[in-house]
Amino acid sequence: MLAQPTARELLRVLAYRTFRLEPNDRERLLEDLLPWCESWTGSIPASSHRVQDPHDQVFLDLALAAATPVLVSGDANLLALQESVNPLLILSPADFQTWLAGSS
């Protein structure tokens, strides 16, 4: 699920030096990702769960509003909420791969 605020934050984060992605690498990554995304066009209601980093809040709010079963993130602030946000699963990329393998 992708909404305008989450798209803006994704673009901002992909430009971090940590990822070492050149602009053309970011474009290729988005070309691979975007066909798998559904667009959320309405407003994103705020959930009662709070994330320490306000930039991450929009991802949690969107996942809950869209009733998405899994939110995949490497962000420690989001992963810290794993136990408290039911029925949403918040998984690291590695845990998501394990979850996918077990659900097939």
N, C-alpha and C. Protein backbone atom coordinates (compact mmCIF):
# COMPACT_ATOMS: atom_id res chain seq x y z
N MET A 1 0.86 -1.16 0.00
CA MET A 1 0.00 0.00 0.00
C MET A 1 0.91 1.23 0.00
N LEU A 2 0.58 2.19 -0.82
CA LEU A 2 1.38 3.39 -0.93
C LEU A 2 0.45 4.59 -1.00
N ALA A 3 0.76 5.61 -0.23
CA ALA A 3 0.02 6.86 -0.24
C ALA A 3 1.03 7.98 -0.44
N GLN A 4 0.55 9.15 -0.76
CA GLN A 4 1.46 10.26 -1.03
C GLN A 4 2.46 10.50 0.12
N PRO A 5 2.01 10.53 1.39
CA PRO A 5 2.98 10.76 2.47
C PRO A 5 4.00 9.63 2.61
N THR A 6 3.57 8.38 2.40
CA THR A 6 4.52 7.28 2.51
C THR A 6 5.48 7.29 1.32
N ALA A 7 5.01 7.65 0.15
CA ALA A 7 5.88 7.74 -1.02
C ALA A 7 6.96 8.80 -0.82
N ARG A 8 6.56 9.96 -0.29
CA ARG A 8 7.54 11.02 -0.02
C ARG A 8 8.60 10.56 0.98
N GLU A 9 8.17 9.88 2.04
CA GLU A 9 9.11 9.40 3.05
C GLU A 9 10.01 8.32 2.47
N LEU A 10 9.47 7.43 1.66
CA LEU A 10 10.28 6.39 1.03
C LEU A 10 11.36 7.02 0.16
N LEU A 11 11.00 8.00 -0.65
CA LEU A 11 11.99 8.68 -1.50
C LEU A 11 13.07 9.37 -0.66
N ARG A 12 12.66 9.98 0.43
CA ARG A 12 13.62 10.67 1.31
C ARG A 12 14.60 9.67 1.93
N VAL A 13 14.08 8.55 2.40
CA VAL A 13 14.91 7.55 3.07
C VAL A 13 15.85 6.84 2.09
N LEU A 14 15.36 6.55 0.90
CA LEU A 14 16.22 5.86 -0.08
C LEU A 14 17.43 6.71 -0.46
N ALA A 15 17.37 8.00 -0.24
CA ALA A 15 18.50 8.88 -0.55
C ALA A 15 19.54 8.91 0.57
N TYR A 16 19.28 8.25 1.70
CA TYR A 16 20.26 8.21 2.80
C TYR A 16 21.58 7.62 2.31
N ARG A 17 22.65 8.16 2.80
CA ARG A 17 23.99 7.62 2.45
C ARG A 17 24.14 6.16 2.87
N THR A 18 23.46 5.78 3.93
CA THR A 18 23.54 4.42 4.44
C THR A 18 23.25 3.39 3.36
N PHE A 19 22.31 3.69 2.48
CA PHE A 19 21.92 2.74 1.44
C PHE A 19 22.86 2.75 0.25
N ARG A 20 23.64 3.79 0.12
CA ARG A 20 24.61 3.89 -0.99
C ARG A 20 23.97 3.65 -2.35
N LEU A 21 22.81 4.26 -2.55
CA LEU A 21 22.09 4.11 -3.82
C LEU A 21 22.25 5.38 -4.66
N GLU A 22 22.73 5.20 -5.85
CA GLU A 22 22.80 6.31 -6.80
C GLU A 22 21.39 6.59 -7.30
N PRO A 23 21.14 7.77 -7.82
CA PRO A 23 19.78 8.08 -8.31
C PRO A 23 19.22 7.03 -9.27
N ASN A 24 20.03 6.54 -10.19
CA ASN A 24 19.51 5.53 -11.14
C ASN A 24 19.21 4.20 -10.43
N ASP A 25 19.95 3.88 -9.36
CA ASP A 25 19.66 2.67 -8.58
C ASP A 25 18.32 2.82 -7.85
N ARG A 26 18.07 4.01 -7.32
CA ARG A 26 16.80 4.26 -6.63
C ARG A 26 15.64 4.15 -7.62
N GLU A 27 15.83 4.68 -8.82
CA GLU A 27 14.78 4.59 -9.84
C GLU A 27 14.48 3.15 -10.21
N ARG A 28 15.52 2.34 -10.37
CA ARG A 28 15.32 0.92 -10.70
C ARG A 28 14.60 0.19 -9.57
N LEU A 29 14.99 0.49 -8.34
CA LEU A 29 14.35 -0.13 -7.19
C LEU A 29 12.86 0.22 -7.16
N LEU A 30 12.54 1.48 -7.39
CA LEU A 30 11.13 1.89 -7.42
C LEU A 30 10.38 1.28 -8.59
N GLU A 31 11.03 1.14 -9.74
CA GLU A 31 10.39 0.49 -10.89
C GLU A 31 10.03 -0.96 -10.56
N ASP A 32 10.86 -1.62 -9.76
CA ASP A 32 10.56 -2.99 -9.35
C ASP A 32 9.47 -3.05 -8.29
N LEU A 33 9.43 -2.06 -7.41
CA LEU A 33 8.51 -2.06 -6.28
C LEU A 33 7.11 -1.58 -6.65
N LEU A 34 7.02 -0.50 -7.37
CA LEU A 34 5.73 0.16 -7.59
C LEU A 34 4.66 -0.69 -8.26
N PRO A 35 5.00 -1.57 -9.20
CA PRO A 35 3.93 -2.41 -9.77
C PRO A 35 3.23 -3.30 -8.74
N TRP A 36 3.88 -3.55 -7.61
CA TRP A 36 3.30 -4.41 -6.58
C TRP A 36 2.51 -3.62 -5.54
N CYS A 37 2.49 -2.31 -5.66
CA CYS A 37 1.83 -1.45 -4.68
C CYS A 37 0.41 -1.11 -5.09
N GLU A 38 -0.44 -0.99 -4.10
CA GLU A 38 -1.78 -0.46 -4.30
C GLU A 38 -1.78 0.96 -3.77
N SER A 39 -2.52 1.84 -4.42
CA SER A 39 -2.57 3.24 -4.01
C SER A 39 -3.68 3.47 -3.00
N TRP A 40 -3.37 4.25 -2.00
CA TRP A 40 -4.36 4.70 -1.02
C TRP A 40 -4.58 6.17 -1.32
N THR A 41 -5.79 6.53 -1.71
CA THR A 41 -6.03 7.90 -2.15
C THR A 41 -6.73 8.77 -1.10
N GLY A 42 -7.33 8.16 -0.11
CA GLY A 42 -8.02 8.95 0.92
C GLY A 42 -7.05 9.46 1.97
N SER A 43 -7.60 10.12 2.95
CA SER A 43 -6.75 10.55 4.06
C SER A 43 -6.41 9.33 4.90
N ILE A 44 -5.33 9.42 5.63
CA ILE A 44 -4.87 8.32 6.46
C ILE A 44 -5.24 8.65 7.91
N PRO A 45 -6.20 7.92 8.48
CA PRO A 45 -6.56 8.23 9.86
C PRO A 45 -5.43 7.89 10.82
N ALA A 46 -5.25 8.72 11.83
CA ALA A 46 -4.20 8.49 12.83
C ALA A 46 -4.63 7.34 13.74
N SER A 47 -3.71 6.44 13.98
CA SER A 47 -4.00 5.32 14.89
C SER A 47 -3.68 5.76 16.32
N SER A 48 -4.10 4.96 17.26
CA SER A 48 -3.82 5.26 18.66
C SER A 48 -2.41 4.83 19.05
N HIS A 49 -1.75 4.06 18.20
CA HIS A 49 -0.38 3.62 18.47
C HIS A 49 0.60 4.71 18.02
N ARG A 50 1.58 4.99 18.83
CA ARG A 50 2.53 6.05 18.52
C ARG A 50 3.92 5.48 18.28
N VAL A 51 4.57 6.00 17.25
CA VAL A 51 5.94 5.64 16.91
C VAL A 51 6.84 6.78 17.36
N GLN A 52 8.01 6.47 17.89
CA GLN A 52 8.91 7.53 18.38
C GLN A 52 9.28 8.53 17.29
N ASP A 53 9.57 8.04 16.10
CA ASP A 53 9.96 8.92 15.00
C ASP A 53 8.71 9.29 14.21
N PRO A 54 8.33 10.58 14.19
CA PRO A 54 7.10 10.96 13.48
C PRO A 54 7.13 10.65 11.98
N HIS A 55 8.32 10.53 11.38
CA HIS A 55 8.41 10.17 9.97
C HIS A 55 7.92 8.74 9.73
N ASP A 56 8.01 7.89 10.75
CA ASP A 56 7.58 6.50 10.62
C ASP A 56 6.10 6.30 10.89
N GLN A 57 5.48 7.27 11.54
CA GLN A 57 4.08 7.14 11.95
C GLN A 57 3.15 6.88 10.77
N VAL A 58 3.41 7.53 9.66
CA VAL A 58 2.53 7.40 8.50
C VAL A 58 2.48 5.96 7.97
N PHE A 59 3.59 5.22 8.08
CA PHE A 59 3.61 3.84 7.62
C PHE A 59 2.73 2.97 8.51
N LEU A 60 2.81 3.17 9.82
CA LEU A 60 1.97 2.41 10.74
C LEU A 60 0.50 2.77 10.54
N ASP A 61 0.21 4.06 10.46
CA ASP A 61 -1.18 4.50 10.29
C ASP A 61 -1.78 3.94 9.00
N LEU A 62 -1.02 3.97 7.91
CA LEU A 62 -1.52 3.45 6.64
C LEU A 62 -1.74 1.94 6.71
N ALA A 63 -0.80 1.22 7.28
CA ALA A 63 -0.94 -0.23 7.38
C ALA A 63 -2.19 -0.61 8.18
N LEU A 64 -2.44 0.11 9.27
CA LEU A 64 -3.62 -0.18 10.08
C LEU A 64 -4.91 0.23 9.36
N ALA A 65 -4.91 1.40 8.72
CA ALA A 65 -6.10 1.86 8.00
C ALA A 65 -6.46 0.93 6.85
N ALA A 66 -5.45 0.40 6.18
CA ALA A 66 -5.68 -0.47 5.03
C ALA A 66 -5.88 -1.93 5.43
N ALA A 67 -5.80 -2.21 6.73
CA ALA A 67 -5.93 -3.58 7.23
C ALA A 67 -4.93 -4.52 6.57
N THR A 68 -3.74 -4.02 6.38
CA THR A 68 -2.65 -4.80 5.81
C THR A 68 -2.20 -5.83 6.84
N PRO A 69 -1.98 -7.09 6.46
CA PRO A 69 -1.60 -8.08 7.46
C PRO A 69 -0.17 -7.91 7.99
N VAL A 70 0.73 -7.37 7.15
CA VAL A 70 2.14 -7.29 7.54
C VAL A 70 2.72 -5.94 7.13
N LEU A 71 3.49 -5.34 8.03
CA LEU A 71 4.28 -4.16 7.74
C LEU A 71 5.73 -4.59 7.83
N VAL A 72 6.48 -4.46 6.75
CA VAL A 72 7.88 -4.87 6.71
C VAL A 72 8.74 -3.63 6.88
N SER A 73 9.65 -3.68 7.85
CA SER A 73 10.50 -2.54 8.12
C SER A 73 11.79 -2.98 8.80
N GLY A 74 12.84 -2.25 8.53
CA GLY A 74 14.08 -2.44 9.25
C GLY A 74 14.25 -1.39 10.33
N ASP A 75 13.24 -0.55 10.50
CA ASP A 75 13.32 0.55 11.44
C ASP A 75 13.05 0.07 12.87
N ALA A 76 13.98 0.37 13.77
CA ALA A 76 13.87 -0.10 15.16
C ALA A 76 12.64 0.46 15.86
N ASN A 77 12.25 1.70 15.54
CA ASN A 77 11.07 2.29 16.18
C ASN A 77 9.80 1.53 15.83
N LEU A 78 9.67 1.12 14.59
CA LEU A 78 8.49 0.35 14.18
C LEU A 78 8.57 -1.08 14.72
N LEU A 79 9.73 -1.68 14.63
CA LEU A 79 9.89 -3.06 15.11
C LEU A 79 9.63 -3.17 16.60
N ALA A 80 9.88 -2.09 17.35
CA ALA A 80 9.63 -2.10 18.80
C ALA A 80 8.16 -2.26 19.12
N LEU A 81 7.29 -1.97 18.16
CA LEU A 81 5.84 -2.08 18.38
C LEU A 81 5.27 -3.45 18.02
N GLN A 82 6.14 -4.39 17.65
CA GLN A 82 5.68 -5.70 17.18
C GLN A 82 4.65 -6.35 18.08
N GLU A 83 4.85 -6.27 19.36
CA GLU A 83 3.98 -6.98 20.31
C GLU A 83 2.70 -6.23 20.63
N SER A 84 2.65 -4.94 20.32
CA SER A 84 1.52 -4.14 20.80
C SER A 84 0.49 -3.75 19.74
N VAL A 85 0.75 -4.07 18.49
CA VAL A 85 -0.16 -3.65 17.42
C VAL A 85 -0.79 -4.88 16.78
N ASN A 86 -1.87 -5.35 17.37
CA ASN A 86 -2.55 -6.53 16.84
C ASN A 86 -3.73 -6.08 16.02
N PRO A 87 -4.08 -6.73 14.94
CA PRO A 87 -3.53 -7.97 14.40
C PRO A 87 -2.38 -7.75 13.42
N LEU A 88 -1.89 -6.53 13.28
CA LEU A 88 -0.82 -6.23 12.33
C LEU A 88 0.49 -6.88 12.79
N LEU A 89 1.13 -7.58 11.87
CA LEU A 89 2.48 -8.09 12.12
C LEU A 89 3.47 -7.04 11.63
N ILE A 90 4.44 -6.70 12.47
CA ILE A 90 5.51 -5.80 12.06
C ILE A 90 6.77 -6.64 12.06
N LEU A 91 7.31 -6.87 10.86
CA LEU A 91 8.42 -7.81 10.70
C LEU A 91 9.61 -7.16 10.02
N SER A 92 10.79 -7.63 10.40
CA SER A 92 12.01 -7.23 9.69
C SER A 92 11.98 -7.92 8.33
N PRO A 93 12.80 -7.47 7.39
CA PRO A 93 12.83 -8.16 6.09
C PRO A 93 13.15 -9.65 6.21
N ALA A 94 14.09 -10.01 7.08
CA ALA A 94 14.45 -11.43 7.24
C ALA A 94 13.29 -12.22 7.83
N ASP A 95 12.62 -11.66 8.84
CA ASP A 95 11.46 -12.34 9.42
C ASP A 95 10.31 -12.44 8.42
N PHE A 96 10.18 -11.43 7.57
CA PHE A 96 9.15 -11.47 6.53
C PHE A 96 9.40 -12.63 5.56
N GLN A 97 10.65 -12.82 5.18
CA GLN A 97 10.98 -13.94 4.28
C GLN A 97 10.61 -15.27 4.93
N THR A 98 10.90 -15.42 6.23
CA THR A 98 10.54 -16.63 6.95
C THR A 98 9.03 -16.79 7.01
N TRP A 99 8.33 -15.70 7.28
CA TRP A 99 6.87 -15.72 7.34
C TRP A 99 6.28 -16.13 5.98
N LEU A 100 6.82 -15.57 4.90
CA LEU A 100 6.36 -15.92 3.57
C LEU A 100 6.58 -17.40 3.27
N ALA A 101 7.74 -17.91 3.63
CA ALA A 101 8.05 -19.31 3.37
C ALA A 101 7.11 -20.23 4.14
N GLY A 102 6.71 -19.81 5.34
CA GLY A 102 5.80 -20.63 6.14
C GLY A 102 4.36 -20.53 5.72
N SER A 103 4.00 -19.48 5.00
CA SER A 103 2.59 -19.32 4.60
C SER A 103 2.30 -19.87 3.21
N SER A 104 3.32 -20.40 2.55
CA SER A 104 3.06 -20.94 1.19
C SER A 104 2.82 -22.41 1.19
